[in-house]
Protein backbone atom coordinates (compact mmCIF):
# COMPACT_ATOMS: atom_id res chain seq x y z
CA MET A 1 45.21 102.92 73.09
CA THR A 2 48.16 100.88 74.22
CA ALA A 3 48.65 97.19 73.48
CA GLU A 4 48.01 96.39 77.14
CA GLU A 5 44.69 98.27 77.13
CA PHE A 6 43.64 96.48 73.98
CA LEU A 7 44.47 93.04 75.35
CA ARG A 8 42.68 93.74 78.62
CA SER A 9 39.54 94.72 76.70
CA ARG A 10 39.34 91.31 74.99
CA PRO A 11 37.82 88.29 76.72
CA LEU A 12 40.48 85.83 77.83
CA SER A 13 39.00 83.13 75.59
CA ARG A 14 39.66 85.38 72.55
CA ALA A 15 43.04 86.68 73.66
CA TYR A 16 44.97 83.93 71.88
CA PHE A 17 43.22 84.20 68.52
CA ARG A 18 44.48 86.22 65.60
CA SER A 19 44.55 89.91 66.42
CA PRO A 20 42.16 92.27 64.61
CA ASN A 21 43.40 94.40 61.75
CA SER A 22 44.21 98.07 62.19
CA PHE A 23 40.80 99.25 60.92
CA PHE A 24 38.98 97.33 63.66
CA ILE A 25 41.21 98.89 66.30
CA TYR A 26 40.59 102.32 64.73
CA ARG A 27 36.83 101.70 64.65
CA GLN A 28 36.84 100.63 68.31
CA GLN A 29 38.49 103.92 69.28
CA PHE A 30 36.18 105.85 66.92
CA VAL A 31 33.11 104.39 68.68
CA LYS A 32 34.62 105.09 72.09
CA GLN A 33 35.17 108.74 71.15
CA LEU A 34 31.63 109.11 69.82
CA LYS A 35 30.24 107.71 73.07
CA LEU A 36 32.32 110.22 75.06
CA GLU A 37 30.70 112.97 72.98
CA ASN A 38 27.21 111.49 73.61
CA TYR A 39 26.58 110.40 70.02
CA ASN A 40 24.19 107.47 70.04
CA ASP A 41 23.48 106.29 66.53
CA GLN A 42 23.12 102.96 64.76
CA MET A 43 26.35 100.98 64.52
CA VAL A 44 25.78 100.61 60.77
CA LYS A 45 26.04 104.39 60.40
CA VAL A 46 28.96 104.62 62.80
CA SER A 47 30.86 101.96 60.85
CA LYS A 48 30.23 103.87 57.64
CA TRP A 49 31.51 107.10 59.23
CA ALA A 50 34.59 105.29 60.55
CA GLY A 51 35.27 103.98 57.05
CA ILE A 52 35.00 107.47 55.58
CA PHE A 53 37.35 108.96 58.18
CA TRP A 54 39.73 106.01 57.82
CA SER A 55 40.13 106.58 54.09
CA ASN A 56 40.89 110.31 54.51
């Protein structure tokens, strides 16, 4: 994901606030990839998986 893609994905009202940390950007891409692979699970589980993969 490029910086331009990330900024376009945020609502304009939020564009000038503090940017999210690197884990939140990673998690956003993690969720996007799971959706491409047709995984539909609870976000609580997905966040846990993202955390596990992030730490490895």
